[in-house]
Amino acid sequence: MCNRPSLLGRRKDNTEFAVEIALSPIETDEGLMVVAAVLDVTQRKKTEEALRSNLEIQSALNALLKLSLDPLSLDELLEQALDLLLSLSWIRLEAKGAVFLVEDDPRVLVMKARRGLAEPLLKACCRVRVGECLCGLAAEQRDVVFACGVDERHRTRYPGMTPHGHY
């Protein structure tokens, strides 16, 4: 796909929108003139971005399915799956994360794979009780839990911790 520079138009209310401009020369009695057609391509750009995102997700799912067929240990599989997920463009802003599993005690999550996490976090979160902190809440609710920053649900804290969000 060709990446052309984005052009912006301005509406009467001063809001900007993505445009494409087609120029066509025409010969008139008064000489050469150019007709310009300005097309609002906002919706097309949104559709293209959604298609790119869906393709990326489908590619990641295919790669995860292929990984599941490889003769890997569970730990290797989780490490490679985490690397794959962290490579997605919509996660890449801060490519940090962890995968937790339940092992012996069904009330405790055990960190099995991790990338880019600070040492204090690795120590504090190596085992998380179901229902506690954000990871434990997700396990308890059996659903995605999101926080765009450190809030009251985020019980694990340490000196020097930077603001961050969670899925």
N, C-alpha and C. Protein backbone atom coordinates (compact mmCIF):
# COMPACT_ATOMS: atom_id res chain seq x y z
N MET A 1 0.84 -1.17 0.00
CA MET A 1 0.00 0.00 0.00
C MET A 1 0.88 1.23 0.00
N CYS A 2 0.50 2.20 -0.79
CA CYS A 2 1.25 3.44 -0.92
C CYS A 2 0.91 4.36 0.25
N ASN A 3 1.93 4.87 0.91
CA ASN A 3 1.70 5.82 2.00
C ASN A 3 1.89 7.22 1.47
N ARG A 4 0.80 7.87 1.12
CA ARG A 4 0.86 9.24 0.65
C ARG A 4 0.75 10.16 1.84
N PRO A 5 1.34 11.36 1.70
CA PRO A 5 1.19 12.32 2.79
C PRO A 5 -0.28 12.65 2.98
N SER A 6 -0.69 12.85 4.20
CA SER A 6 -2.08 13.19 4.49
C SER A 6 -2.31 14.67 4.25
N LEU A 7 -3.41 14.96 3.57
CA LEU A 7 -3.84 16.33 3.37
C LEU A 7 -5.04 16.58 4.25
N LEU A 8 -5.14 17.79 4.75
CA LEU A 8 -6.26 18.13 5.62
C LEU A 8 -7.05 19.28 5.02
N GLY A 9 -8.36 19.18 5.12
CA GLY A 9 -9.25 20.27 4.77
C GLY A 9 -9.77 20.88 6.04
N ARG A 10 -10.37 22.07 5.91
CA ARG A 10 -10.91 22.73 7.09
C ARG A 10 -12.36 23.10 6.79
N ARG A 11 -13.25 22.70 7.70
CA ARG A 11 -14.67 23.03 7.57
C ARG A 11 -14.92 24.47 8.03
N LYS A 12 -16.11 24.95 7.78
CA LYS A 12 -16.46 26.31 8.20
C LYS A 12 -16.34 26.49 9.71
N ASP A 13 -16.59 25.38 10.46
CA ASP A 13 -16.50 25.47 11.92
C ASP A 13 -15.06 25.30 12.42
N ASN A 14 -14.10 25.28 11.48
CA ASN A 14 -12.66 25.19 11.77
C ASN A 14 -12.17 23.79 12.12
N THR A 15 -13.01 22.76 12.08
CA THR A 15 -12.53 21.40 12.31
C THR A 15 -11.82 20.91 11.05
N GLU A 16 -10.81 20.10 11.26
CA GLU A 16 -10.04 19.56 10.14
C GLU A 16 -10.52 18.15 9.80
N PHE A 17 -10.34 17.77 8.53
CA PHE A 17 -10.72 16.44 8.08
C PHE A 17 -9.79 16.01 6.97
N ALA A 18 -9.63 14.70 6.83
CA ALA A 18 -8.73 14.14 5.82
C ALA A 18 -9.34 14.32 4.43
N VAL A 19 -8.52 14.76 3.48
CA VAL A 19 -9.01 14.96 2.11
C VAL A 19 -8.03 14.37 1.11
N GLU A 20 -8.57 14.12 -0.07
CA GLU A 20 -7.77 13.86 -1.26
C GLU A 20 -8.20 14.88 -2.28
N ILE A 21 -7.26 15.36 -3.06
CA ILE A 21 -7.56 16.37 -4.07
C ILE A 21 -7.14 15.83 -5.43
N ALA A 22 -8.07 15.87 -6.37
CA ALA A 22 -7.79 15.47 -7.75
C ALA A 22 -7.75 16.74 -8.59
N LEU A 23 -6.67 16.91 -9.33
CA LEU A 23 -6.53 18.09 -10.19
C LEU A 23 -6.63 17.65 -11.64
N SER A 24 -7.44 18.40 -12.43
CA SER A 24 -7.61 18.08 -13.85
C SER A 24 -7.45 19.36 -14.66
N PRO A 25 -6.48 19.39 -15.57
CA PRO A 25 -6.34 20.59 -16.42
C PRO A 25 -7.42 20.58 -17.49
N ILE A 26 -7.96 21.75 -17.78
CA ILE A 26 -8.92 21.86 -18.88
C ILE A 26 -8.55 23.09 -19.72
N GLU A 27 -8.72 22.96 -20.97
CA GLU A 27 -8.44 24.05 -21.91
C GLU A 27 -9.73 24.83 -22.10
N THR A 28 -9.68 26.14 -21.89
CA THR A 28 -10.85 27.01 -22.08
C THR A 28 -10.49 28.12 -23.04
N ASP A 29 -11.49 28.92 -23.43
CA ASP A 29 -11.24 30.07 -24.29
C ASP A 29 -10.30 31.07 -23.62
N GLU A 30 -10.30 31.06 -22.31
CA GLU A 30 -9.46 31.99 -21.55
C GLU A 30 -8.08 31.39 -21.26
N GLY A 31 -7.81 30.19 -21.71
CA GLY A 31 -6.53 29.54 -21.49
C GLY A 31 -6.67 28.29 -20.63
N LEU A 32 -5.53 27.80 -20.21
CA LEU A 32 -5.50 26.58 -19.40
C LEU A 32 -5.99 26.88 -17.98
N MET A 33 -6.91 26.07 -17.50
CA MET A 33 -7.40 26.18 -16.12
C MET A 33 -7.31 24.80 -15.47
N VAL A 34 -7.39 24.81 -14.18
CA VAL A 34 -7.34 23.55 -13.43
C VAL A 34 -8.60 23.43 -12.59
N VAL A 35 -9.25 22.29 -12.69
CA VAL A 35 -10.40 21.99 -11.86
C VAL A 35 -9.91 21.10 -10.71
N ALA A 36 -10.28 21.46 -9.50
CA ALA A 36 -9.89 20.68 -8.32
C ALA A 36 -11.14 20.04 -7.71
N ALA A 37 -11.06 18.75 -7.46
CA ALA A 37 -12.13 18.04 -6.76
C ALA A 37 -11.58 17.63 -5.39
N VAL A 38 -12.24 18.08 -4.34
CA VAL A 38 -11.81 17.79 -2.98
C VAL A 38 -12.77 16.75 -2.40
N LEU A 39 -12.21 15.66 -1.95
CA LEU A 39 -13.01 14.54 -1.44
C LEU A 39 -12.68 14.30 0.03
N ASP A 40 -13.70 14.28 0.88
CA ASP A 40 -13.54 13.96 2.31
C ASP A 40 -13.32 12.45 2.41
N VAL A 41 -12.15 12.03 2.89
CA VAL A 41 -11.82 10.60 2.96
C VAL A 41 -11.73 10.11 4.41
N THR A 42 -12.36 10.85 5.33
CA THR A 42 -12.31 10.49 6.75
C THR A 42 -12.82 9.08 6.98
N GLN A 43 -13.99 8.77 6.43
CA GLN A 43 -14.58 7.44 6.66
C GLN A 43 -13.72 6.35 6.04
N ARG A 44 -13.18 6.60 4.84
CA ARG A 44 -12.34 5.59 4.21
C ARG A 44 -11.09 5.32 5.04
N LYS A 45 -10.48 6.38 5.60
CA LYS A 45 -9.29 6.19 6.44
C LYS A 45 -9.63 5.39 7.70
N LYS A 46 -10.81 5.64 8.29
CA LYS A 46 -11.23 4.87 9.46
C LYS A 46 -11.43 3.40 9.08
N THR A 47 -12.04 3.18 7.93
CA THR A 47 -12.27 1.81 7.46
C THR A 47 -10.95 1.10 7.19
N GLU A 48 -10.01 1.80 6.55
CA GLU A 48 -8.69 1.21 6.27
C GLU A 48 -7.97 0.85 7.57
N GLU A 49 -8.06 1.73 8.57
CA GLU A 49 -7.41 1.46 9.85
C GLU A 49 -8.04 0.25 10.53
N ALA A 50 -9.36 0.15 10.47
CA ALA A 50 -10.06 -1.00 11.07
C ALA A 50 -9.65 -2.28 10.35
N LEU A 51 -9.52 -2.23 9.04
CA LEU A 51 -9.08 -3.41 8.29
C LEU A 51 -7.65 -3.80 8.67
N ARG A 52 -6.77 -2.80 8.80
CA ARG A 52 -5.39 -3.09 9.21
C ARG A 52 -5.35 -3.73 10.59
N SER A 53 -6.14 -3.18 11.51
CA SER A 53 -6.20 -3.72 12.87
C SER A 53 -6.74 -5.14 12.87
N ASN A 54 -7.82 -5.39 12.13
CA ASN A 54 -8.39 -6.74 12.07
C ASN A 54 -7.41 -7.72 11.44
N LEU A 55 -6.69 -7.29 10.42
CA LEU A 55 -5.69 -8.16 9.80
C LEU A 55 -4.58 -8.50 10.80
N GLU A 56 -4.16 -7.50 11.57
CA GLU A 56 -3.12 -7.74 12.57
C GLU A 56 -3.61 -8.74 13.62
N ILE A 57 -4.84 -8.59 14.06
CA ILE A 57 -5.40 -9.51 15.06
C ILE A 57 -5.52 -10.91 14.48
N GLN A 58 -6.01 -11.04 13.25
CA GLN A 58 -6.12 -12.35 12.60
C GLN A 58 -4.75 -13.00 12.43
N SER A 59 -3.76 -12.20 12.05
CA SER A 59 -2.40 -12.73 11.90
C SER A 59 -1.86 -13.23 13.23
N ALA A 60 -2.13 -12.47 14.30
CA ALA A 60 -1.68 -12.88 15.63
C ALA A 60 -2.37 -14.16 16.06
N LEU A 61 -3.67 -14.26 15.81
CA LEU A 61 -4.39 -15.49 16.16
C LEU A 61 -3.85 -16.68 15.38
N ASN A 62 -3.58 -16.49 14.09
CA ASN A 62 -3.00 -17.57 13.30
C ASN A 62 -1.64 -17.98 13.84
N ALA A 63 -0.82 -16.99 14.21
CA ALA A 63 0.50 -17.30 14.76
C ALA A 63 0.37 -18.04 16.09
N LEU A 64 -0.60 -17.64 16.93
CA LEU A 64 -0.82 -18.34 18.20
C LEU A 64 -1.26 -19.78 17.96
N LEU A 65 -2.13 -19.98 16.97
CA LEU A 65 -2.56 -21.34 16.65
C LEU A 65 -1.40 -22.19 16.16
N LYS A 66 -0.54 -21.60 15.33
CA LYS A 66 0.65 -22.33 14.86
C LYS A 66 1.56 -22.69 16.03
N LEU A 67 1.72 -21.73 16.96
CA LEU A 67 2.55 -22.00 18.14
C LEU A 67 2.03 -23.20 18.92
N SER A 68 0.71 -23.31 18.99
CA SER A 68 0.12 -24.40 19.78
C SER A 68 0.44 -25.77 19.18
N LEU A 69 0.82 -25.79 17.91
CA LEU A 69 1.15 -27.06 17.26
C LEU A 69 2.63 -27.43 17.40
N ASP A 70 3.44 -26.46 17.82
CA ASP A 70 4.88 -26.72 17.98
C ASP A 70 5.13 -27.56 19.23
N PRO A 71 6.14 -28.42 19.18
CA PRO A 71 6.46 -29.25 20.35
C PRO A 71 7.24 -28.44 21.40
N LEU A 72 6.53 -27.56 22.11
CA LEU A 72 7.15 -26.69 23.11
C LEU A 72 6.65 -27.05 24.49
N SER A 73 7.47 -26.74 25.48
CA SER A 73 6.99 -26.88 26.86
C SER A 73 5.98 -25.76 27.10
N LEU A 74 5.17 -25.89 28.14
CA LEU A 74 4.19 -24.86 28.44
C LEU A 74 4.87 -23.52 28.69
N ASP A 75 5.98 -23.52 29.41
CA ASP A 75 6.69 -22.27 29.68
C ASP A 75 7.18 -21.63 28.39
N GLU A 76 7.74 -22.43 27.48
CA GLU A 76 8.20 -21.89 26.19
C GLU A 76 7.03 -21.34 25.38
N LEU A 77 5.94 -22.06 25.39
CA LEU A 77 4.75 -21.63 24.66
C LEU A 77 4.24 -20.28 25.19
N LEU A 78 4.16 -20.14 26.51
CA LEU A 78 3.69 -18.90 27.12
C LEU A 78 4.63 -17.74 26.82
N GLU A 79 5.95 -17.99 26.88
CA GLU A 79 6.93 -16.94 26.58
C GLU A 79 6.77 -16.47 25.13
N GLN A 80 6.66 -17.39 24.19
CA GLN A 80 6.53 -17.02 22.79
C GLN A 80 5.18 -16.35 22.52
N ALA A 81 4.14 -16.82 23.17
CA ALA A 81 2.82 -16.20 23.00
C ALA A 81 2.83 -14.77 23.52
N LEU A 82 3.48 -14.54 24.66
CA LEU A 82 3.57 -13.19 25.21
C LEU A 82 4.35 -12.29 24.27
N ASP A 83 5.47 -12.77 23.73
CA ASP A 83 6.24 -11.98 22.76
C ASP A 83 5.38 -11.60 21.56
N LEU A 84 4.61 -12.55 21.09
CA LEU A 84 3.73 -12.30 19.95
C LEU A 84 2.69 -11.24 20.28
N LEU A 85 2.04 -11.36 21.42
CA LEU A 85 1.02 -10.39 21.81
C LEU A 85 1.61 -9.00 22.00
N LEU A 86 2.79 -8.92 22.59
CA LEU A 86 3.41 -7.62 22.83
C LEU A 86 3.91 -6.97 21.55
N SER A 87 3.97 -7.71 20.46
CA SER A 87 4.39 -7.13 19.18
C SER A 87 3.23 -6.45 18.45
N LEU A 88 2.00 -6.63 18.93
CA LEU A 88 0.85 -6.01 18.28
C LEU A 88 0.95 -4.49 18.43
N SER A 89 0.64 -3.77 17.36
CA SER A 89 0.82 -2.31 17.35
C SER A 89 0.00 -1.61 18.42
N TRP A 90 -1.18 -2.09 18.73
CA TRP A 90 -2.02 -1.41 19.72
C TRP A 90 -1.62 -1.73 21.15
N ILE A 91 -0.68 -2.66 21.33
CA ILE A 91 -0.14 -2.94 22.67
C ILE A 91 1.27 -2.38 22.80
N ARG A 92 1.92 -2.17 21.69
CA ARG A 92 3.33 -1.86 21.63
C ARG A 92 3.74 -0.58 22.34
N LEU A 93 2.80 0.30 22.68
CA LEU A 93 3.15 1.55 23.33
C LEU A 93 4.10 1.28 24.50
N GLU A 94 3.78 0.33 25.32
CA GLU A 94 4.67 -0.13 26.38
C GLU A 94 4.63 -1.64 26.32
N ALA A 95 5.60 -2.22 25.65
CA ALA A 95 5.63 -3.67 25.46
C ALA A 95 6.07 -4.35 26.75
N LYS A 96 5.18 -4.34 27.72
CA LYS A 96 5.43 -4.98 29.01
C LYS A 96 4.23 -5.84 29.32
N GLY A 97 4.47 -6.94 29.99
CA GLY A 97 3.32 -7.75 30.37
C GLY A 97 3.71 -9.04 31.04
N ALA A 98 2.69 -9.79 31.42
CA ALA A 98 2.90 -11.07 32.09
C ALA A 98 1.73 -11.97 31.81
N VAL A 99 1.98 -13.26 31.93
CA VAL A 99 0.94 -14.28 31.83
C VAL A 99 0.90 -15.00 33.17
N PHE A 100 -0.30 -15.11 33.73
CA PHE A 100 -0.50 -15.80 35.00
C PHE A 100 -1.31 -17.06 34.76
N LEU A 101 -1.01 -18.10 35.52
CA LEU A 101 -1.78 -19.34 35.49
C LEU A 101 -2.07 -19.79 36.91
N VAL A 102 -3.08 -20.60 37.04
CA VAL A 102 -3.35 -21.26 38.31
C VAL A 102 -2.58 -22.57 38.28
N GLU A 103 -1.84 -22.87 39.36
CA GLU A 103 -1.11 -24.14 39.42
C GLU A 103 -1.75 -25.03 40.47
N ASP A 104 -1.14 -25.13 41.62
CA ASP A 104 -1.62 -26.04 42.67
C ASP A 104 -2.83 -25.49 43.43
N ASP A 105 -2.77 -24.24 43.81
CA ASP A 105 -3.83 -23.63 44.61
C ASP A 105 -4.75 -22.83 43.68
N PRO A 106 -6.02 -23.19 43.55
CA PRO A 106 -6.93 -22.48 42.64
C PRO A 106 -7.23 -21.05 43.07
N ARG A 107 -6.77 -20.66 44.25
CA ARG A 107 -7.00 -19.29 44.72
C ARG A 107 -5.81 -18.38 44.46
N VAL A 108 -4.77 -18.93 43.79
CA VAL A 108 -3.54 -18.15 43.57
C VAL A 108 -3.12 -18.22 42.11
N LEU A 109 -2.81 -17.04 41.54
CA LEU A 109 -2.24 -16.96 40.19
C LEU A 109 -0.73 -16.93 40.30
N VAL A 110 -0.06 -17.65 39.43
CA VAL A 110 1.40 -17.70 39.42
C VAL A 110 1.89 -17.09 38.12
N MET A 111 2.82 -16.12 38.23
CA MET A 111 3.38 -15.49 37.05
C MET A 111 4.27 -16.50 36.33
N LYS A 112 3.93 -16.81 35.08
CA LYS A 112 4.66 -17.82 34.33
C LYS A 112 5.53 -17.24 33.22
N ALA A 113 5.12 -16.14 32.61
CA ALA A 113 5.89 -15.50 31.55
C ALA A 113 5.82 -14.00 31.79
N ARG A 114 6.91 -13.31 31.52
CA ARG A 114 6.94 -11.87 31.76
C ARG A 114 7.93 -11.19 30.83
N ARG A 115 7.66 -9.94 30.53
CA ARG A 115 8.54 -9.13 29.68
C ARG A 115 8.52 -7.70 30.18
N GLY A 116 9.69 -7.12 30.36
CA GLY A 116 9.85 -5.70 30.63
C GLY A 116 9.34 -5.19 31.96
N LEU A 117 9.13 -6.06 32.93
CA LEU A 117 8.60 -5.64 34.22
C LEU A 117 9.73 -5.33 35.19
N ALA A 118 9.51 -4.34 36.04
CA ALA A 118 10.50 -3.93 37.03
C ALA A 118 10.69 -5.02 38.08
N GLU A 119 11.89 -5.08 38.63
CA GLU A 119 12.23 -6.11 39.62
C GLU A 119 11.30 -6.10 40.83
N PRO A 120 10.95 -4.91 41.39
CA PRO A 120 10.03 -4.93 42.53
C PRO A 120 8.67 -5.54 42.17
N LEU A 121 8.21 -5.31 40.95
CA LEU A 121 6.94 -5.87 40.51
C LEU A 121 7.04 -7.38 40.37
N LEU A 122 8.17 -7.86 39.85
CA LEU A 122 8.36 -9.31 39.71
C LEU A 122 8.27 -9.99 41.07
N LYS A 123 8.85 -9.36 42.07
CA LYS A 123 8.81 -9.95 43.42
C LYS A 123 7.42 -9.86 44.02
N ALA A 124 6.78 -8.70 43.89
CA ALA A 124 5.47 -8.49 44.51
C ALA A 124 4.37 -9.30 43.82
N CYS A 125 4.53 -9.53 42.52
CA CYS A 125 3.44 -10.16 41.76
C CYS A 125 3.75 -11.58 41.29
N CYS A 126 4.77 -12.22 41.85
CA CYS A 126 5.07 -13.58 41.40
C CYS A 126 3.91 -14.51 41.73
N ARG A 127 3.17 -14.18 42.79
CA ARG A 127 1.97 -14.93 43.17
C ARG A 127 0.91 -13.91 43.57
N VAL A 128 -0.26 -13.99 42.96
CA VAL A 128 -1.34 -13.03 43.21
C VAL A 128 -2.60 -13.82 43.58
N ARG A 129 -3.21 -13.45 44.68
CA ARG A 129 -4.44 -14.12 45.09
C ARG A 129 -5.59 -13.72 44.16
N VAL A 130 -6.43 -14.67 43.79
CA VAL A 130 -7.60 -14.40 42.97
C VAL A 130 -8.47 -13.39 43.72
N GLY A 131 -8.89 -12.34 43.02
CA GLY A 131 -9.70 -11.29 43.62
C GLY A 131 -8.90 -10.10 44.08
N GLU A 132 -7.57 -10.22 44.16
CA GLU A 132 -6.74 -9.11 44.62
C GLU A 132 -6.01 -8.48 43.45
N CYS A 133 -5.84 -7.18 43.53
CA CYS A 133 -5.17 -6.39 42.51
C CYS A 133 -5.90 -6.60 41.17
N LEU A 134 -5.40 -6.08 40.10
CA LEU A 134 -6.11 -6.15 38.83
C LEU A 134 -6.07 -7.53 38.19
N CYS A 135 -4.93 -8.20 38.25
CA CYS A 135 -4.84 -9.54 37.66
C CYS A 135 -5.77 -10.51 38.39
N GLY A 136 -5.78 -10.42 39.70
CA GLY A 136 -6.65 -11.28 40.49
C GLY A 136 -8.13 -10.98 40.28
N LEU A 137 -8.45 -9.70 40.05
CA LEU A 137 -9.84 -9.33 39.75
C LEU A 137 -10.27 -9.93 38.41
N ALA A 138 -9.39 -9.86 37.42
CA ALA A 138 -9.72 -10.44 36.11
C ALA A 138 -9.98 -11.93 36.23
N ALA A 139 -9.16 -12.61 37.02
CA ALA A 139 -9.35 -14.05 37.21
C ALA A 139 -10.66 -14.33 37.95
N GLU A 140 -10.96 -13.54 38.96
CA GLU A 140 -12.18 -13.74 39.74
C GLU A 140 -13.43 -13.48 38.89
N GLN A 141 -13.38 -12.41 38.09
CA GLN A 141 -14.54 -12.04 37.27
C GLN A 141 -14.60 -12.81 35.96
N ARG A 142 -13.49 -13.50 35.62
CA ARG A 142 -13.40 -14.24 34.36
C ARG A 142 -13.75 -13.35 33.17
N ASP A 143 -13.12 -12.13 33.22
CA ASP A 143 -13.39 -11.15 32.19
C ASP A 143 -12.19 -10.19 32.12
N VAL A 144 -12.16 -9.40 31.07
CA VAL A 144 -11.11 -8.40 30.92
C VAL A 144 -11.35 -7.30 31.93
N VAL A 145 -10.31 -6.91 32.63
CA VAL A 145 -10.36 -5.78 33.55
C VAL A 145 -9.40 -4.75 33.00
N PHE A 146 -9.86 -3.51 32.89
CA PHE A 146 -9.02 -2.44 32.33
C PHE A 146 -8.89 -1.31 33.33
N ALA A 147 -7.69 -0.76 33.41
CA ALA A 147 -7.43 0.46 34.17
C ALA A 147 -6.48 1.30 33.36
N CYS A 148 -6.82 2.57 33.14
CA CYS A 148 -5.95 3.44 32.34
C CYS A 148 -4.85 4.05 33.19
N GLY A 149 -4.86 3.79 34.46
CA GLY A 149 -3.82 4.29 35.36
C GLY A 149 -3.86 3.51 36.65
N VAL A 150 -3.02 3.91 37.58
CA VAL A 150 -2.99 3.24 38.88
C VAL A 150 -4.16 3.78 39.69
N ASP A 151 -5.10 2.90 40.01
CA ASP A 151 -6.26 3.31 40.79
C ASP A 151 -6.36 2.45 42.06
N GLU A 152 -7.49 2.59 42.78
CA GLU A 152 -7.63 1.89 44.08
C GLU A 152 -7.62 0.38 43.93
N ARG A 153 -7.94 -0.15 42.76
CA ARG A 153 -7.93 -1.60 42.55
C ARG A 153 -6.50 -2.14 42.44
N HIS A 154 -5.58 -1.26 42.14
CA HIS A 154 -4.18 -1.63 41.94
C HIS A 154 -3.47 -1.59 43.30
N ARG A 155 -3.48 -2.70 43.99
CA ARG A 155 -2.95 -2.73 45.35
C ARG A 155 -1.44 -2.89 45.40
N THR A 156 -0.86 -3.48 44.36
CA THR A 156 0.59 -3.65 44.35
C THR A 156 1.24 -2.34 43.94
N ARG A 157 2.02 -1.79 44.84
CA ARG A 157 2.72 -0.52 44.57
C ARG A 157 4.12 -0.63 45.15
N TYR A 158 5.03 0.14 44.56
CA TYR A 158 6.40 0.15 45.06
C TYR A 158 7.02 1.51 44.77
N PRO A 159 8.06 1.91 45.50
CA PRO A 159 8.69 3.21 45.28
C PRO A 159 9.23 3.30 43.85
N GLY A 160 8.99 4.44 43.21
CA GLY A 160 9.49 4.66 41.85
C GLY A 160 8.60 4.09 40.76
N MET A 161 7.45 3.53 41.13
CA MET A 161 6.55 2.96 40.13
C MET A 161 5.99 4.10 39.27
N THR A 162 6.06 3.92 37.96
CA THR A 162 5.54 4.92 37.04
C THR A 162 4.06 4.67 36.78
N PRO A 163 3.33 5.72 36.44
CA PRO A 163 1.90 5.52 36.10
C PRO A 163 1.77 4.59 34.89
N HIS A 164 0.81 3.71 34.94
CA HIS A 164 0.61 2.76 33.84
C HIS A 164 -0.80 2.20 33.92
N GLY A 165 -1.21 1.56 32.85
CA GLY A 165 -2.53 0.95 32.79
C GLY A 165 -2.42 -0.55 32.67
N HIS A 166 -3.56 -1.20 32.69
CA HIS A 166 -3.60 -2.66 32.63
C HIS A 166 -4.78 -3.14 31.78
N TYR A 167 -4.56 -4.23 31.10
CA TYR A 167 -5.65 -5.04 30.56
C TYR A 167 -5.53 -6.38 31.23
